[in-house]
Amino acid sequence: MSLLEHSLAELVCERPGATAIFHRHRLDFCCGGQQSLASALAARGLAPEAIVAELEALPFGHDHDVDWRQVDNATLIDHLLTRFHAVHREQLPELIRLARRVEQVHRERPGCPRGLASQLMLMAEELEAHMQKEEQILFPLFVRGELALASGPVRVMEAEHEQHGGSLELISELTDDITPPEGACVTWRALYQGLRQLREDLMLHIHLENHLLFPRAQA
């Protein structure tokens, strides 16, 4: 089934990051969420090939095609930067925007994740600071092979990973384990799908660092 045959609502719920694309092209996935992508693009006079290519390019899934234990430090770090650091920087601003919208519109509804936007903003600030320290201090040490100097920064990063895990726990508590209530609108469901993707990505990100990259400094 072609992506053009899917409704906007289906694409938003199935492909985290689709909301940013739809906002950029002014495609209404909320009230107009039941229209097909083809119909929505025709109404806006947009070429379908470019939009479909953007949707197909969205990162999703896991990385079972490469044994990351076998790659060198530079290759693994490049993967961390492109697959996770860059993706987190795209994910969190959109999740914050969606969370603000849900809290604004559904504040009085049972199950509304009040406080979620603030928690995501704090998480974004902490994660950005963390990633910059890795990019500017820790990762260059690994690439240069100065592993003896990396052990101290590694301990700091591992402690901050614990903090990120705590942030995910708080998000889970605010969202009933990221489970939208019955009858949740498209925006609400898109928010929770994005949160699930963020959680999966961040856990895999931390796993690759804690269990594959960081032990190389000790070895």
N, C-alpha and C. Protein backbone atom coordinates (compact mmCIF):
# COMPACT_ATOMS: atom_id res chain seq x y z
N MET A 1 0.85 -1.20 0.00
CA MET A 1 0.00 0.00 0.00
C MET A 1 0.88 1.24 0.00
N SER A 2 0.66 2.10 -0.99
CA SER A 2 1.48 3.31 -1.12
C SER A 2 1.23 4.25 0.04
N LEU A 3 2.27 5.02 0.42
CA LEU A 3 2.09 6.03 1.46
C LEU A 3 1.01 7.03 1.06
N LEU A 4 0.85 7.27 -0.25
CA LEU A 4 -0.14 8.23 -0.71
C LEU A 4 -1.56 7.78 -0.39
N GLU A 5 -1.76 6.49 -0.20
CA GLU A 5 -3.09 5.97 0.11
C GLU A 5 -3.41 6.02 1.61
N HIS A 6 -2.39 6.20 2.42
CA HIS A 6 -2.61 6.30 3.86
C HIS A 6 -3.22 7.66 4.20
N SER A 7 -4.03 7.68 5.25
CA SER A 7 -4.55 8.96 5.72
C SER A 7 -3.46 9.71 6.46
N LEU A 8 -3.63 11.03 6.57
CA LEU A 8 -2.66 11.81 7.33
C LEU A 8 -2.59 11.33 8.78
N ALA A 9 -3.74 11.00 9.36
CA ALA A 9 -3.76 10.53 10.74
C ALA A 9 -2.96 9.25 10.90
N GLU A 10 -3.10 8.32 9.96
CA GLU A 10 -2.34 7.08 10.03
C GLU A 10 -0.84 7.34 9.96
N LEU A 11 -0.45 8.23 9.06
CA LEU A 11 0.97 8.51 8.89
C LEU A 11 1.55 9.18 10.12
N VAL A 12 0.79 10.08 10.73
CA VAL A 12 1.26 10.76 11.94
C VAL A 12 1.48 9.74 13.06
N CYS A 13 0.56 8.79 13.19
CA CYS A 13 0.65 7.82 14.28
C CYS A 13 1.69 6.74 14.02
N GLU A 14 1.93 6.45 12.74
CA GLU A 14 2.83 5.35 12.41
C GLU A 14 4.27 5.81 12.20
N ARG A 15 4.48 7.09 11.87
CA ARG A 15 5.82 7.56 11.53
C ARG A 15 6.17 8.79 12.36
N PRO A 16 6.84 8.59 13.50
CA PRO A 16 7.27 9.74 14.30
C PRO A 16 8.09 10.70 13.46
N GLY A 17 7.79 11.95 13.58
CA GLY A 17 8.46 12.96 12.78
C GLY A 17 7.60 13.45 11.64
N ALA A 18 6.53 12.70 11.32
CA ALA A 18 5.65 13.12 10.23
C ALA A 18 4.96 14.45 10.55
N THR A 19 4.70 14.70 11.82
CA THR A 19 4.02 15.95 12.17
C THR A 19 4.84 17.16 11.75
N ALA A 20 6.15 17.10 11.92
CA ALA A 20 7.00 18.23 11.53
C ALA A 20 6.92 18.47 10.02
N ILE A 21 6.89 17.39 9.24
CA ILE A 21 6.79 17.52 7.79
C ILE A 21 5.44 18.12 7.41
N PHE A 22 4.38 17.63 8.04
CA PHE A 22 3.04 18.14 7.71
C PHE A 22 2.89 19.60 8.12
N HIS A 23 3.45 19.99 9.24
CA HIS A 23 3.38 21.39 9.63
C HIS A 23 4.15 22.26 8.63
N ARG A 24 5.29 21.77 8.21
CA ARG A 24 6.12 22.54 7.28
C ARG A 24 5.40 22.78 5.96
N HIS A 25 4.58 21.81 5.55
CA HIS A 25 3.87 21.93 4.27
C HIS A 25 2.40 22.32 4.46
N ARG A 26 2.04 22.70 5.71
CA ARG A 26 0.68 23.17 6.01
C ARG A 26 -0.38 22.14 5.63
N LEU A 27 -0.15 20.91 6.00
CA LEU A 27 -1.10 19.83 5.81
C LEU A 27 -1.80 19.57 7.14
N ASP A 28 -3.12 19.67 7.15
CA ASP A 28 -3.90 19.57 8.38
C ASP A 28 -4.12 18.11 8.75
N PHE A 29 -3.30 17.61 9.69
CA PHE A 29 -3.46 16.21 10.10
C PHE A 29 -4.37 16.07 11.31
N CYS A 30 -4.89 17.17 11.82
CA CYS A 30 -5.78 17.10 12.99
C CYS A 30 -7.23 17.02 12.52
N CYS A 31 -7.84 18.15 12.25
CA CYS A 31 -9.23 18.13 11.79
C CYS A 31 -9.37 17.45 10.43
N GLY A 32 -8.35 17.58 9.60
CA GLY A 32 -8.38 16.95 8.29
C GLY A 32 -7.61 15.66 8.22
N GLY A 33 -7.46 15.00 9.35
CA GLY A 33 -6.60 13.83 9.42
C GLY A 33 -7.08 12.61 8.66
N GLN A 34 -8.39 12.55 8.34
CA GLN A 34 -8.90 11.36 7.68
C GLN A 34 -8.70 11.38 6.17
N GLN A 35 -8.32 12.51 5.59
CA GLN A 35 -8.07 12.54 4.16
C GLN A 35 -6.76 11.84 3.84
N SER A 36 -6.70 11.26 2.64
CA SER A 36 -5.48 10.57 2.24
C SER A 36 -4.37 11.58 1.98
N LEU A 37 -3.14 11.11 2.05
CA LEU A 37 -2.02 11.98 1.75
C LEU A 37 -2.15 12.51 0.32
N ALA A 38 -2.57 11.66 -0.62
CA ALA A 38 -2.72 12.09 -2.01
C ALA A 38 -3.73 13.22 -2.13
N SER A 39 -4.87 13.10 -1.45
CA SER A 39 -5.90 14.13 -1.51
C SER A 39 -5.41 15.43 -0.89
N ALA A 40 -4.73 15.32 0.25
CA ALA A 40 -4.24 16.52 0.94
C ALA A 40 -3.21 17.25 0.09
N LEU A 41 -2.33 16.49 -0.57
CA LEU A 41 -1.31 17.12 -1.40
C LEU A 41 -1.94 17.78 -2.63
N ALA A 42 -2.94 17.11 -3.21
CA ALA A 42 -3.62 17.67 -4.38
C ALA A 42 -4.31 18.98 -4.01
N ALA A 43 -4.94 19.02 -2.84
CA ALA A 43 -5.65 20.22 -2.41
C ALA A 43 -4.69 21.39 -2.20
N ARG A 44 -3.46 21.08 -1.81
CA ARG A 44 -2.46 22.12 -1.57
C ARG A 44 -1.60 22.40 -2.81
N GLY A 45 -1.79 21.59 -3.85
CA GLY A 45 -0.99 21.78 -5.06
C GLY A 45 0.46 21.41 -4.88
N LEU A 46 0.74 20.42 -4.04
CA LEU A 46 2.11 20.01 -3.75
C LEU A 46 2.48 18.74 -4.52
N ALA A 47 3.71 18.66 -4.94
CA ALA A 47 4.19 17.48 -5.65
C ALA A 47 4.35 16.31 -4.68
N PRO A 48 3.71 15.18 -4.96
CA PRO A 48 3.77 14.07 -3.99
C PRO A 48 5.15 13.44 -3.84
N GLU A 49 5.95 13.45 -4.90
CA GLU A 49 7.23 12.74 -4.83
C GLU A 49 8.12 13.28 -3.71
N ALA A 50 8.19 14.59 -3.57
CA ALA A 50 9.06 15.19 -2.57
C ALA A 50 8.59 14.88 -1.16
N ILE A 51 7.27 14.96 -0.92
CA ILE A 51 6.74 14.70 0.42
C ILE A 51 6.91 13.24 0.79
N VAL A 52 6.62 12.34 -0.14
CA VAL A 52 6.81 10.91 0.12
C VAL A 52 8.27 10.62 0.43
N ALA A 53 9.17 11.25 -0.28
CA ALA A 53 10.60 11.04 -0.02
C ALA A 53 10.98 11.51 1.39
N GLU A 54 10.40 12.63 1.83
CA GLU A 54 10.67 13.11 3.19
C GLU A 54 10.16 12.11 4.23
N LEU A 55 8.96 11.57 4.01
CA LEU A 55 8.39 10.61 4.95
C LEU A 55 9.21 9.33 4.98
N GLU A 56 9.62 8.86 3.82
CA GLU A 56 10.39 7.62 3.76
C GLU A 56 11.78 7.79 4.37
N ALA A 57 12.27 9.02 4.42
CA ALA A 57 13.59 9.28 4.98
C ALA A 57 13.60 9.38 6.50
N LEU A 58 12.42 9.41 7.12
CA LEU A 58 12.37 9.54 8.58
C LEU A 58 13.03 8.33 9.23
N PRO A 59 13.88 8.55 10.23
CA PRO A 59 14.52 7.42 10.91
C PRO A 59 13.54 6.70 11.80
N PHE A 60 13.54 5.38 11.70
CA PHE A 60 12.70 4.59 12.58
C PHE A 60 13.27 3.18 12.63
N GLY A 61 12.78 2.39 13.57
CA GLY A 61 13.24 1.02 13.69
C GLY A 61 14.55 0.92 14.46
N HIS A 62 15.11 -0.28 14.45
CA HIS A 62 16.34 -0.53 15.20
C HIS A 62 17.47 -0.86 14.24
N ASP A 63 18.62 -1.11 14.77
CA ASP A 63 19.84 -1.20 13.97
C ASP A 63 20.42 -2.62 14.04
N HIS A 64 19.63 -3.59 13.54
CA HIS A 64 20.07 -4.98 13.62
C HIS A 64 20.96 -5.38 12.45
N ASP A 65 21.13 -4.49 11.48
CA ASP A 65 21.88 -4.85 10.28
C ASP A 65 23.38 -4.72 10.47
N VAL A 66 23.84 -4.11 11.53
CA VAL A 66 25.27 -3.91 11.78
C VAL A 66 25.60 -4.42 13.17
N ASP A 67 26.69 -5.16 13.28
CA ASP A 67 27.18 -5.57 14.60
C ASP A 67 28.11 -4.46 15.09
N TRP A 68 27.58 -3.57 15.91
CA TRP A 68 28.34 -2.39 16.33
C TRP A 68 29.48 -2.73 17.27
N ARG A 69 29.53 -3.96 17.74
CA ARG A 69 30.67 -4.38 18.55
C ARG A 69 31.93 -4.49 17.72
N GLN A 70 31.77 -4.66 16.41
CA GLN A 70 32.91 -4.94 15.54
C GLN A 70 33.47 -3.72 14.83
N VAL A 71 32.81 -2.56 14.96
CA VAL A 71 33.26 -1.39 14.22
C VAL A 71 34.26 -0.58 15.07
N ASP A 72 35.04 0.26 14.40
CA ASP A 72 36.01 1.07 15.13
C ASP A 72 35.32 2.25 15.81
N ASN A 73 36.06 2.93 16.66
CA ASN A 73 35.48 4.02 17.44
C ASN A 73 34.89 5.11 16.57
N ALA A 74 35.60 5.51 15.54
CA ALA A 74 35.14 6.60 14.69
C ALA A 74 33.83 6.26 14.00
N THR A 75 33.69 5.01 13.54
CA THR A 75 32.46 4.58 12.86
C THR A 75 31.30 4.54 13.84
N LEU A 76 31.53 3.99 15.02
CA LEU A 76 30.48 3.92 16.03
C LEU A 76 30.05 5.33 16.45
N ILE A 77 30.99 6.21 16.64
CA ILE A 77 30.67 7.58 17.06
C ILE A 77 29.91 8.30 15.96
N ASP A 78 30.30 8.10 14.71
CA ASP A 78 29.56 8.72 13.61
C ASP A 78 28.11 8.24 13.61
N HIS A 79 27.92 6.96 13.89
CA HIS A 79 26.55 6.42 13.99
C HIS A 79 25.79 7.06 15.13
N LEU A 80 26.43 7.21 16.27
CA LEU A 80 25.77 7.85 17.42
C LEU A 80 25.37 9.28 17.10
N LEU A 81 26.23 9.99 16.39
CA LEU A 81 25.94 11.38 16.07
C LEU A 81 24.79 11.52 15.09
N THR A 82 24.78 10.68 14.06
CA THR A 82 23.77 10.83 13.01
C THR A 82 22.45 10.15 13.38
N ARG A 83 22.53 8.99 14.00
CA ARG A 83 21.31 8.22 14.30
C ARG A 83 20.62 8.70 15.57
N PHE A 84 21.38 9.26 16.51
CA PHE A 84 20.77 9.62 17.79
C PHE A 84 20.90 11.10 18.13
N HIS A 85 22.09 11.66 18.13
CA HIS A 85 22.22 13.07 18.50
C HIS A 85 21.38 13.95 17.58
N ALA A 86 21.53 13.77 16.29
CA ALA A 86 20.78 14.60 15.34
C ALA A 86 19.28 14.35 15.45
N VAL A 87 18.90 13.10 15.66
CA VAL A 87 17.48 12.75 15.75
C VAL A 87 16.85 13.32 17.01
N HIS A 88 17.54 13.22 18.14
CA HIS A 88 16.99 13.79 19.38
C HIS A 88 16.74 15.28 19.24
N ARG A 89 17.64 15.96 18.53
CA ARG A 89 17.50 17.40 18.36
C ARG A 89 16.30 17.75 17.47
N GLU A 90 15.84 16.82 16.68
CA GLU A 90 14.62 17.02 15.90
C GLU A 90 13.39 16.58 16.69
N GLN A 91 13.53 15.50 17.44
CA GLN A 91 12.38 14.93 18.14
C GLN A 91 11.83 15.86 19.22
N LEU A 92 12.71 16.35 20.08
CA LEU A 92 12.24 17.01 21.30
C LEU A 92 11.50 18.33 21.04
N PRO A 93 11.96 19.20 20.15
CA PRO A 93 11.16 20.43 19.91
C PRO A 93 9.75 20.13 19.42
N GLU A 94 9.60 19.13 18.57
CA GLU A 94 8.27 18.79 18.07
C GLU A 94 7.42 18.17 19.17
N LEU A 95 8.01 17.33 20.01
CA LEU A 95 7.26 16.74 21.13
C LEU A 95 6.83 17.82 22.12
N ILE A 96 7.68 18.79 22.36
CA ILE A 96 7.32 19.90 23.25
C ILE A 96 6.14 20.67 22.67
N ARG A 97 6.17 20.94 21.38
CA ARG A 97 5.08 21.67 20.73
C ARG A 97 3.77 20.88 20.84
N LEU A 98 3.83 19.58 20.57
CA LEU A 98 2.63 18.75 20.65
C LEU A 98 2.10 18.68 22.09
N ALA A 99 3.02 18.54 23.05
CA ALA A 99 2.61 18.46 24.45
C ALA A 99 1.92 19.75 24.90
N ARG A 100 2.46 20.89 24.49
CA ARG A 100 1.82 22.16 24.83
C ARG A 100 0.41 22.23 24.26
N ARG A 101 0.27 21.76 23.03
CA ARG A 101 -1.04 21.80 22.39
C ARG A 101 -2.04 20.91 23.12
N VAL A 102 -1.62 19.70 23.46
CA VAL A 102 -2.51 18.78 24.16
C VAL A 102 -2.89 19.34 25.53
N GLU A 103 -1.93 19.89 26.25
CA GLU A 103 -2.22 20.45 27.57
C GLU A 103 -3.13 21.66 27.46
N GLN A 104 -2.96 22.45 26.44
CA GLN A 104 -3.80 23.64 26.26
C GLN A 104 -5.24 23.26 25.94
N VAL A 105 -5.42 22.32 25.03
CA VAL A 105 -6.76 21.98 24.54
C VAL A 105 -7.50 21.04 25.49
N HIS A 106 -6.77 20.13 26.13
CA HIS A 106 -7.40 19.06 26.90
C HIS A 106 -7.08 19.14 28.39
N ARG A 107 -6.74 20.31 28.88
CA ARG A 107 -6.30 20.44 30.26
C ARG A 107 -7.30 19.86 31.26
N GLU A 108 -8.57 20.02 31.02
CA GLU A 108 -9.58 19.57 31.98
C GLU A 108 -9.99 18.12 31.79
N ARG A 109 -9.47 17.50 30.77
CA ARG A 109 -9.86 16.11 30.50
C ARG A 109 -9.06 15.15 31.36
N PRO A 110 -9.72 14.10 31.91
CA PRO A 110 -8.97 13.09 32.67
C PRO A 110 -7.88 12.45 31.81
N GLY A 111 -6.73 12.28 32.39
CA GLY A 111 -5.63 11.67 31.67
C GLY A 111 -4.75 12.65 30.93
N CYS A 112 -5.12 13.94 30.96
CA CYS A 112 -4.28 14.93 30.29
C CYS A 112 -2.91 14.97 30.98
N PRO A 113 -1.83 14.88 30.22
CA PRO A 113 -0.48 14.84 30.82
C PRO A 113 0.00 16.23 31.24
N ARG A 114 -0.66 16.80 32.22
CA ARG A 114 -0.29 18.15 32.67
C ARG A 114 1.13 18.13 33.24
N GLY A 115 1.93 19.08 32.79
CA GLY A 115 3.33 19.14 33.20
C GLY A 115 4.28 18.45 32.24
N LEU A 116 3.74 17.77 31.23
CA LEU A 116 4.60 17.04 30.30
C LEU A 116 5.48 17.98 29.49
N ALA A 117 4.92 19.07 29.00
CA ALA A 117 5.72 19.99 28.19
C ALA A 117 6.90 20.53 28.99
N SER A 118 6.67 20.88 30.24
CA SER A 118 7.75 21.39 31.08
C SER A 118 8.82 20.32 31.30
N GLN A 119 8.39 19.09 31.52
CA GLN A 119 9.34 18.00 31.71
C GLN A 119 10.16 17.76 30.45
N LEU A 120 9.52 17.84 29.29
CA LEU A 120 10.24 17.64 28.04
C LEU A 120 11.22 18.79 27.78
N MET A 121 10.85 20.01 28.16
CA MET A 121 11.76 21.14 28.00
C MET A 121 13.00 20.94 28.87
N LEU A 122 12.81 20.50 30.09
CA LEU A 122 13.95 20.24 30.98
C LEU A 122 14.81 19.13 30.42
N MET A 123 14.15 18.09 29.93
CA MET A 123 14.90 16.97 29.36
C MET A 123 15.70 17.41 28.14
N ALA A 124 15.10 18.25 27.31
CA ALA A 124 15.80 18.74 26.12
C ALA A 124 17.04 19.53 26.51
N GLU A 125 16.93 20.37 27.53
CA GLU A 125 18.08 21.16 27.98
C GLU A 125 19.19 20.25 28.52
N GLU A 126 18.80 19.28 29.34
CA GLU A 126 19.80 18.38 29.92
C GLU A 126 20.45 17.51 28.85
N LEU A 127 19.65 17.03 27.91
CA LEU A 127 20.19 16.16 26.88
C LEU A 127 21.10 16.94 25.93
N GLU A 128 20.73 18.17 25.62
CA GLU A 128 21.57 18.99 24.75
C GLU A 128 22.93 19.25 25.40
N ALA A 129 22.93 19.60 26.68
CA ALA A 129 24.19 19.82 27.39
C ALA A 129 25.03 18.55 27.41
N HIS A 130 24.37 17.43 27.62
CA HIS A 130 25.05 16.14 27.65
C HIS A 130 25.69 15.83 26.30
N MET A 131 24.93 15.99 25.24
CA MET A 131 25.43 15.67 23.91
C MET A 131 26.58 16.59 23.52
N GLN A 132 26.51 17.85 23.91
CA GLN A 132 27.60 18.76 23.58
C GLN A 132 28.89 18.35 24.29
N LYS A 133 28.77 17.89 25.53
CA LYS A 133 29.98 17.43 26.23
C LYS A 133 30.57 16.20 25.54
N GLU A 134 29.71 15.33 25.06
CA GLU A 134 30.21 14.16 24.34
C GLU A 134 30.90 14.59 23.04
N GLU A 135 30.25 15.49 22.32
CA GLU A 135 30.77 15.91 21.02
C GLU A 135 32.06 16.72 21.12
N GLN A 136 32.17 17.54 22.16
CA GLN A 136 33.30 18.45 22.27
C GLN A 136 34.47 17.88 23.08
N ILE A 137 34.15 16.95 24.00
CA ILE A 137 35.20 16.46 24.90
C ILE A 137 35.44 14.96 24.74
N LEU A 138 34.39 14.17 24.98
CA LEU A 138 34.59 12.72 25.08
C LEU A 138 34.85 12.05 23.74
N PHE A 139 33.99 12.31 22.77
CA PHE A 139 34.13 11.61 21.49
C PHE A 139 35.47 11.90 20.82
N PRO A 140 35.98 13.14 20.83
CA PRO A 140 37.31 13.37 20.23
C PRO A 140 38.41 12.55 20.89
N LEU A 141 38.30 12.30 22.19
CA LEU A 141 39.29 11.46 22.86
C LEU A 141 39.28 10.05 22.30
N PHE A 142 38.09 9.51 22.08
CA PHE A 142 37.99 8.17 21.51
C PHE A 142 38.54 8.13 20.09
N VAL A 143 38.18 9.12 19.29
CA VAL A 143 38.62 9.14 17.90
C VAL A 143 40.15 9.24 17.82
N ARG A 144 40.74 10.03 18.72
CA ARG A 144 42.20 10.19 18.72
C ARG A 144 42.92 9.01 19.40
N GLY A 145 42.15 8.12 20.02
CA GLY A 145 42.75 6.98 20.69
C GLY A 145 43.32 7.30 22.05
N GLU A 146 42.93 8.44 22.63
CA GLU A 146 43.43 8.83 23.95
C GLU A 146 42.50 8.28 25.03
N LEU A 147 42.42 6.95 25.08
CA LEU A 147 41.43 6.31 25.93
C LEU A 147 41.72 6.47 27.42
N ALA A 148 42.99 6.60 27.77
CA ALA A 148 43.33 6.77 29.18
C ALA A 148 42.75 8.06 29.74
N LEU A 149 42.58 9.06 28.89
CA LEU A 149 42.02 10.35 29.32
C LEU A 149 40.49 10.34 29.32
N ALA A 150 39.91 9.28 28.78
CA ALA A 150 38.46 9.26 28.62
C ALA A 150 37.71 8.71 29.83
N SER A 151 38.42 8.04 30.74
CA SER A 151 37.73 7.35 31.82
C SER A 151 36.95 8.31 32.73
N GLY A 152 37.52 9.48 33.01
CA GLY A 152 36.82 10.46 33.85
C GLY A 152 35.56 10.98 33.20
N PRO A 153 35.64 11.50 31.96
CA PRO A 153 34.42 11.93 31.28
C PRO A 153 33.40 10.81 31.11
N VAL A 154 33.86 9.58 30.92
CA VAL A 154 32.93 8.46 30.79
C VAL A 154 32.08 8.32 32.05
N ARG A 155 32.69 8.43 33.21
CA ARG A 155 31.93 8.31 34.46
C ARG A 155 30.88 9.41 34.57
N VAL A 156 31.23 10.60 34.14
CA VAL A 156 30.27 11.70 34.16
C VAL A 156 29.10 11.40 33.23
N MET A 157 29.40 10.92 32.03
CA MET A 157 28.34 10.62 31.07
C MET A 157 27.44 9.49 31.56
N GLU A 158 28.04 8.50 32.20
CA GLU A 158 27.23 7.40 32.72
C GLU A 158 26.28 7.88 33.80
N ALA A 159 26.75 8.78 34.66
CA ALA A 159 25.87 9.34 35.68
C ALA A 159 24.73 10.14 35.05
N GLU A 160 25.04 10.88 34.00
CA GLU A 160 23.99 11.65 33.33
C GLU A 160 23.01 10.73 32.60
N HIS A 161 23.49 9.60 32.12
CA HIS A 161 22.58 8.62 31.53
C HIS A 161 21.54 8.17 32.55
N GLU A 162 21.96 8.01 33.78
CA GLU A 162 21.02 7.66 34.84
C GLU A 162 19.94 8.73 34.98
N GLN A 163 20.36 9.99 34.87
CA GLN A 163 19.39 11.08 34.95
C GLN A 163 18.40 11.02 33.79
N HIS A 164 18.90 10.70 32.59
CA HIS A 164 18.01 10.58 31.44
C HIS A 164 17.00 9.46 31.65
N GLY A 165 17.47 8.37 32.25
CA GLY A 165 16.56 7.28 32.56
C GLY A 165 15.48 7.72 33.53
N GLY A 166 15.85 8.54 34.50
CA GLY A 166 14.86 9.09 35.43
C GLY A 166 13.86 9.98 34.72
N SER A 167 14.33 10.73 33.75
CA SER A 167 13.42 11.59 32.97
C SER A 167 12.40 10.74 32.21
N LEU A 168 12.86 9.63 31.64
CA LEU A 168 11.93 8.75 30.95
C LEU A 168 10.90 8.16 31.90
N GLU A 169 11.31 7.86 33.11
CA GLU A 169 10.38 7.35 34.11
C GLU A 169 9.31 8.40 34.44
N LEU A 170 9.73 9.64 34.60
CA LEU A 170 8.77 10.71 34.88
C LEU A 170 7.78 10.87 33.72
N ILE A 171 8.28 10.80 32.51
CA ILE A 171 7.39 10.89 31.35
C ILE A 171 6.41 9.74 31.36
N SER A 172 6.87 8.56 31.69
CA SER A 172 5.98 7.39 31.76
C SER A 172 4.89 7.60 32.81
N GLU A 173 5.26 8.16 33.95
CA GLU A 173 4.29 8.41 35.01
C GLU A 173 3.24 9.43 34.59
N LEU A 174 3.67 10.45 33.86
CA LEU A 174 2.75 11.51 33.43
C LEU A 174 1.78 11.04 32.35
N THR A 175 2.14 9.98 31.64
CA THR A 175 1.38 9.58 30.45
C THR A 175 0.77 8.19 30.54
N ASP A 176 0.66 7.66 31.76
CA ASP A 176 0.12 6.30 31.91
C ASP A 176 0.91 5.33 31.03
N ASP A 177 2.23 5.36 31.20
CA ASP A 177 3.15 4.54 30.42
C ASP A 177 2.98 4.81 28.93
N ILE A 178 2.83 6.08 28.61
CA ILE A 178 2.69 6.55 27.21
C ILE A 178 1.54 5.82 26.52
N THR A 179 0.40 5.81 27.19
CA THR A 179 -0.80 5.18 26.66
C THR A 179 -1.89 6.23 26.51
N PRO A 180 -2.28 6.58 25.29
CA PRO A 180 -3.32 7.61 25.12
C PRO A 180 -4.67 7.10 25.59
N PRO A 181 -5.50 7.96 26.15
CA PRO A 181 -6.83 7.53 26.58
C PRO A 181 -7.72 7.23 25.39
N GLU A 182 -8.79 6.52 25.65
CA GLU A 182 -9.74 6.20 24.59
C GLU A 182 -10.32 7.50 24.01
N GLY A 183 -10.36 7.56 22.69
CA GLY A 183 -10.90 8.74 22.04
C GLY A 183 -9.93 9.90 21.93
N ALA A 184 -8.65 9.67 22.22
CA ALA A 184 -7.67 10.75 22.11
C ALA A 184 -7.59 11.25 20.67
N CYS A 185 -7.40 12.54 20.51
CA CYS A 185 -7.33 13.14 19.19
C CYS A 185 -6.03 12.74 18.49
N VAL A 186 -5.94 13.08 17.22
CA VAL A 186 -4.77 12.72 16.43
C VAL A 186 -3.51 13.34 17.01
N THR A 187 -3.59 14.60 17.45
CA THR A 187 -2.42 15.26 18.01
C THR A 187 -1.94 14.55 19.27
N TRP A 188 -2.87 14.15 20.11
CA TRP A 188 -2.53 13.44 21.35
C TRP A 188 -1.87 12.11 21.02
N ARG A 189 -2.45 11.37 20.07
CA ARG A 189 -1.88 10.07 19.71
C ARG A 189 -0.52 10.24 19.04
N ALA A 190 -0.38 11.29 18.23
CA ALA A 190 0.92 11.55 17.60
C ALA A 190 1.98 11.86 18.66
N LEU A 191 1.60 12.64 19.67
CA LEU A 191 2.51 12.95 20.76
C LEU A 191 3.00 11.68 21.44
N TYR A 192 2.10 10.77 21.74
CA TYR A 192 2.48 9.57 22.46
C TYR A 192 3.28 8.62 21.58
N GLN A 193 2.95 8.56 20.30
CA GLN A 193 3.78 7.76 19.39
C GLN A 193 5.20 8.32 19.34
N GLY A 194 5.31 9.63 19.28
CA GLY A 194 6.62 10.25 19.29
C GLY A 194 7.37 10.01 20.58
N LEU A 195 6.66 10.03 21.70
CA LEU A 195 7.29 9.75 22.99
C LEU A 195 7.80 8.31 23.05
N ARG A 196 7.01 7.39 22.50
CA ARG A 196 7.46 6.00 22.47
C ARG A 196 8.72 5.86 21.63
N GLN A 197 8.77 6.56 20.50
CA GLN A 197 9.95 6.50 19.66
C GLN A 197 11.15 7.13 20.36
N LEU A 198 10.92 8.26 21.03
CA LEU A 198 12.00 8.89 21.79
C LEU A 198 12.54 7.93 22.84
N ARG A 199 11.65 7.28 23.55
CA ARG A 199 12.07 6.34 24.59
C ARG A 199 12.89 5.20 24.00
N GLU A 200 12.41 4.63 22.90
CA GLU A 200 13.15 3.54 22.26
C GLU A 200 14.51 4.02 21.77
N ASP A 201 14.53 5.19 21.14
CA ASP A 201 15.79 5.71 20.61
C ASP A 201 16.78 6.01 21.72
N LEU A 202 16.30 6.66 22.78
CA LEU A 202 17.22 7.06 23.84
C LEU A 202 17.77 5.84 24.58
N MET A 203 16.93 4.84 24.77
CA MET A 203 17.41 3.62 25.44
C MET A 203 18.45 2.91 24.59
N LEU A 204 18.24 2.84 23.28
CA LEU A 204 19.22 2.22 22.40
C LEU A 204 20.50 3.05 22.34
N HIS A 205 20.34 4.37 22.31
CA HIS A 205 21.48 5.30 22.33
C HIS A 205 22.34 5.04 23.56
N ILE A 206 21.71 5.02 24.72
CA ILE A 206 22.46 4.82 25.97
C ILE A 206 23.10 3.43 25.99
N HIS A 207 22.38 2.44 25.48
CA HIS A 207 22.94 1.08 25.44
C HIS A 207 24.23 1.03 24.63
N LEU A 208 24.23 1.65 23.45
CA LEU A 208 25.42 1.61 22.60
C LEU A 208 26.60 2.31 23.27
N GLU A 209 26.32 3.37 24.00
CA GLU A 209 27.41 4.08 24.68
C GLU A 209 27.87 3.33 25.92
N ASN A 210 26.92 3.00 26.79
CA ASN A 210 27.30 2.36 28.05
C ASN A 210 27.95 1.00 27.87
N HIS A 211 27.44 0.22 26.91
CA HIS A 211 27.84 -1.18 26.81
C HIS A 211 28.80 -1.48 25.67
N LEU A 212 28.92 -0.56 24.71
CA LEU A 212 29.83 -0.83 23.59
C LEU A 212 30.98 0.18 23.53
N LEU A 213 30.66 1.47 23.57
CA LEU A 213 31.71 2.48 23.41
C LEU A 213 32.49 2.69 24.71
N PHE A 214 31.80 2.98 25.78
CA PHE A 214 32.48 3.36 27.01
C PHE A 214 33.42 2.28 27.56
N PRO A 215 33.06 0.99 27.49
CA PRO A 215 33.99 -0.03 28.00
C PRO A 215 35.34 -0.04 27.28
N ARG A 216 35.38 0.53 26.09
CA ARG A 216 36.66 0.55 25.36
C ARG A 216 37.67 1.46 26.08
N ALA A 217 37.20 2.45 26.81
CA ALA A 217 38.11 3.29 27.56
C ALA A 217 38.73 2.49 28.71
N GLN A 218 37.96 1.61 29.31
CA GLN A 218 38.47 0.79 30.41
C GLN A 218 39.41 -0.28 29.89
N ALA A 219 39.09 -0.83 28.70
CA ALA A 219 39.94 -1.87 28.15
C ALA A 219 41.29 -1.31 27.72
